[in-house]
Protein backbone atom coordinates (compact mmCIF):
# COMPACT_ATOMS: atom_id res chain seq x y z
CA MET A 1 332.04 90.32 137.68
CA ASP A 2 334.67 91.91 136.09
CA GLY A 3 334.59 89.38 133.32
CA SER A 4 336.11 91.62 130.61
CA LYS A 5 339.40 90.78 132.06
CA ARG A 6 339.34 87.28 130.37
CA SER A 7 336.90 87.66 127.40
CA ALA A 8 334.00 89.42 125.63
CA HIS A 9 331.65 86.79 126.95
CA SER A 10 328.87 87.96 128.49
CA ASN A 11 326.72 85.94 131.39
CA ALA A 12 324.78 85.67 134.16
CA TYR A 13 323.92 83.17 136.83
CA PHE A 14 322.77 82.44 140.50
CA THR A 15 325.27 80.59 142.49
CA GLY A 16 325.52 79.90 146.58
CA ILE A 17 323.30 78.14 148.88
CA GLY A 18 322.02 79.37 152.43
CA SER A 19 323.04 82.83 153.08
CA SER A 20 325.97 82.82 150.89
CA ARG A 21 323.62 82.72 147.70
CA ARG A 22 324.39 85.30 144.80
CA ILE A 23 323.50 86.65 141.71
CA VAL A 24 326.39 87.12 139.29
CA LEU A 25 326.27 89.58 136.18
CA PHE A 26 329.28 89.91 134.17
CA ASP A 27 330.07 93.50 133.21
CA THR A 28 330.23 92.89 129.54
CA LEU A 29 326.53 91.77 129.92
CA ILE A 30 325.91 94.90 132.01
CA ASN A 31 327.73 97.16 129.33
CA SER A 32 325.68 95.13 126.26
CA LEU A 33 322.19 95.26 127.13
CA GLU A 34 319.73 98.34 127.49
CA ASP A 35 318.28 98.52 131.44
CA ASP A 36 314.88 96.52 130.68
CA GLU A 37 316.84 93.57 129.34
CA LEU A 38 318.95 93.38 132.27
CA GLU A 39 316.07 93.56 134.36
CA ALA A 40 314.60 90.78 132.45
CA VAL A 41 317.86 88.63 132.84
CA LEU A 42 318.17 89.51 136.70
CA ALA A 43 314.36 88.19 136.54
CA HIS A 44 315.50 84.73 135.04
CA GLU A 45 318.02 83.96 137.53
CA ILE A 46 315.35 85.06 139.90
CA GLY A 47 313.54 82.44 138.39
CA HIS A 48 315.94 80.29 138.95
CA TRP A 49 315.87 80.31 142.84
CA LYS A 50 312.11 80.79 143.03
CA PHE A 51 311.89 77.39 141.82
CA GLY A 52 314.64 75.85 143.63
CA HIS A 53 316.55 74.63 140.61
CA ILE A 54 320.17 74.99 142.42
CA ARG A 55 318.89 72.54 144.95
CA THR A 56 317.84 70.52 142.24
CA ARG A 57 321.26 70.49 140.48
CA LEU A 58 322.92 70.48 143.67
CA LEU A 59 320.75 66.98 144.55
CA VAL A 60 321.18 65.55 141.59
CA SER A 61 324.81 66.14 141.21
CA ALA A 62 325.13 64.63 144.64
CA PHE A 63 322.98 61.26 143.79
CA ALA A 64 325.17 60.69 141.01
CA SER A 65 328.35 61.14 142.68
CA LEU A 66 327.21 58.55 145.24
CA ALA A 67 326.37 56.41 142.77
CA VAL A 68 329.95 56.48 141.12
CA PHE A 69 331.40 56.01 144.80
CA ALA A 70 329.05 52.81 144.78
CA LEU A 71 329.94 51.59 141.60
CA ILE A 72 334.03 52.23 142.72
CA GLY A 73 333.14 50.17 146.26
CA ALA A 74 331.03 47.40 143.78
CA GLY A 75 333.63 47.17 141.02
CA LEU A 76 336.56 47.03 143.82
CA TYR A 77 335.74 43.75 144.78
CA TRP A 78 334.16 42.04 141.54
CA GLN A 79 337.05 39.25 141.11
CA ASN A 80 335.70 38.15 137.89
CA LEU A 81 336.19 42.21 136.73
CA PHE A 82 340.02 41.91 137.50
CA THR A 83 340.62 38.14 136.21
CA ALA A 84 339.48 39.07 133.09
CA PHE A 85 341.64 41.78 132.49
CA GLY A 86 344.33 39.17 133.68
CA PHE A 87 344.50 40.58 137.38
CA ASN A 88 344.73 38.00 139.80
CA ASP A 89 343.58 40.17 142.37
CA PRO A 90 341.60 43.23 142.68
CA SER A 91 343.51 46.22 142.45
CA LEU A 92 342.14 49.82 143.01
CA HIS A 93 345.11 51.02 140.55
CA ALA A 94 343.49 49.16 137.85
CA LEU A 95 340.15 49.67 138.66
CA LEU A 96 340.71 53.55 138.90
CA PHE A 97 342.06 53.30 135.35
CA TRP A 98 339.25 51.40 134.15
CA LEU A 99 336.96 54.08 135.32
CA SER A 100 339.10 57.02 134.37
CA PHE A 101 339.13 55.35 130.40
CA TYR A 102 334.54 54.38 130.47
CA LEU A 103 333.43 56.88 132.55
CA GLY A 104 333.86 59.34 129.76
CA PRO A 105 331.10 57.47 127.07
CA ILE A 106 329.21 56.90 130.13
CA SER A 107 329.55 59.93 130.99
CA LEU A 108 328.65 61.33 127.38
CA ALA A 109 325.96 58.75 127.44
CA ALA A 110 324.34 60.28 130.32
CA ALA A 111 324.33 63.36 129.46
CA PRO A 112 320.87 64.04 127.75
CA ILE A 113 319.25 63.15 131.23
CA GLY A 114 320.95 66.06 132.77
CA ASN A 115 320.59 68.54 129.73
CA PHE A 116 316.75 67.84 129.66
CA LEU A 117 316.42 68.81 133.32
CA SER A 118 318.25 72.12 132.67
CA ARG A 119 316.60 72.95 129.68
CA LYS A 120 313.32 72.42 131.50
CA HIS A 121 314.78 74.80 134.27
CA GLU A 122 315.58 77.10 131.55
CA TYR A 123 312.29 77.50 129.77
CA GLN A 124 311.01 77.86 133.84
CA ALA A 125 313.14 80.83 134.29
CA ASP A 126 312.05 82.44 130.98
CA ARG A 127 308.18 82.20 131.85
CA PHE A 128 309.47 83.38 134.85
CA ALA A 129 311.16 86.38 133.56
CA ALA A 130 308.45 87.23 130.94
CA ALA A 131 305.73 87.21 133.67
CA ALA A 132 307.66 89.72 136.22
CA CYS A 133 308.75 92.00 133.56
CA GLY A 134 305.01 91.74 132.38
CA THR A 135 306.21 91.09 128.69
CA SER A 136 308.53 88.31 127.18
CA GLU A 137 309.82 90.66 124.35
CA THR A 138 312.24 92.01 126.91
CA MET A 139 313.62 88.75 127.38
CA LYS A 140 313.47 87.59 123.73
CA ARG A 141 315.51 90.87 123.14
CA ALA A 142 318.05 90.02 125.66
CA LEU A 143 318.43 86.57 124.60
CA LEU A 144 318.96 88.04 120.80
CA SER A 145 322.05 90.49 122.02
CA LEU A 146 323.36 87.81 124.40
CA ASN A 147 323.55 85.44 121.48
CA ARG A 148 325.01 88.17 119.09
CA GLU A 149 327.40 89.36 121.55
CA ASN A 150 328.72 85.60 122.25
CA LEU A 151 328.73 84.55 118.70
CA SER A 152 326.31 81.58 119.66
CA ASN A 153 324.66 79.09 117.09
CA LEU A 154 321.08 80.13 116.93
CA ASN A 155 319.49 77.08 115.82
CA PRO A 156 322.04 74.15 115.65
CA HIS A 157 321.22 70.57 114.61
CA PRO A 158 318.59 69.06 116.83
CA ALA A 159 320.43 66.11 117.46
CA TYR A 160 323.66 67.87 118.79
CA SER A 161 321.49 70.44 120.79
CA PHE A 162 319.93 67.64 122.68
CA TRP A 163 322.44 65.50 123.29
CA HIS A 164 325.50 69.00 124.19
CA TYR A 165 323.17 71.56 124.97
CA SER A 166 322.29 72.26 128.94
CA HIS A 167 319.79 75.81 127.44
CA PRO A 168 317.42 75.33 125.11
CA ALA A 169 318.61 76.45 121.48
CA PRO A 170 318.23 80.06 121.18
CA THR A 171 315.40 79.87 118.45
CA GLU A 172 313.70 77.44 120.68
CA ARG A 173 313.47 79.71 123.75
CA LEU A 174 312.48 82.49 121.46
CA SER A 175 309.78 80.07 120.08
CA ALA A 176 308.52 79.30 123.64
CA LEU A 177 308.32 83.07 124.23
CA ASP A 178 306.36 83.52 121.44
CA GLU A 179 303.70 81.20 122.68
CA LEU A 180 303.66 82.70 126.00
CA LYS A 181 300.05 84.49 126.24
CA ALA A 182 300.50 88.19 127.34
CA PRO A 183 301.70 87.77 130.95
CA LYS A 184 300.48 89.37 133.74
CA SER A 185 303.32 91.03 136.44
CA ASP A 186 301.09 90.52 139.63
CA HIS A 187 300.22 86.63 138.78
CA ILE A 188 303.80 84.63 138.55
CA ASP A 189 303.00 81.30 136.63
CA ASN A 190 304.83 78.51 138.55
CA GLY A 191 304.80 76.14 136.23
């Protein structure tokens, strides 16, 4: 992806379902990493595909959307809600206003659940990349380069990271990669 026209940020991601699946590497990423580091990043993204992370996240998002629509449907006929706010009859406009006002804090409160799943997927893809490359060192170097280029906070406060980060903090990812035994490229861990 020609991302350098918009920013210097480096990124890679897996996208798509069915026959339209793609791994996207920003040109800034390609320019800033060594070949073996790019291989580790590519293996990481392949790990997301191998373990079905995209499909899982799509299903979770679909169920969350259905829950919100169910909430809207139930709320529209909850007479006591409207009476409490001074309305004689249910009003879709009032309900949508309340939902837009209250869904922000509800989403913020629920964020750690989605972030926990995402961080779990990142650790799993990191382990896959280390096993595919035969060493965790190339993935570690790639992570350090990415964080340096993107000016990331290497060691954010654990509470902030828990609540707001969809990816593990860089120091946590590096520690997890350090804990891996020397992986064998012919045996890729499924855990």
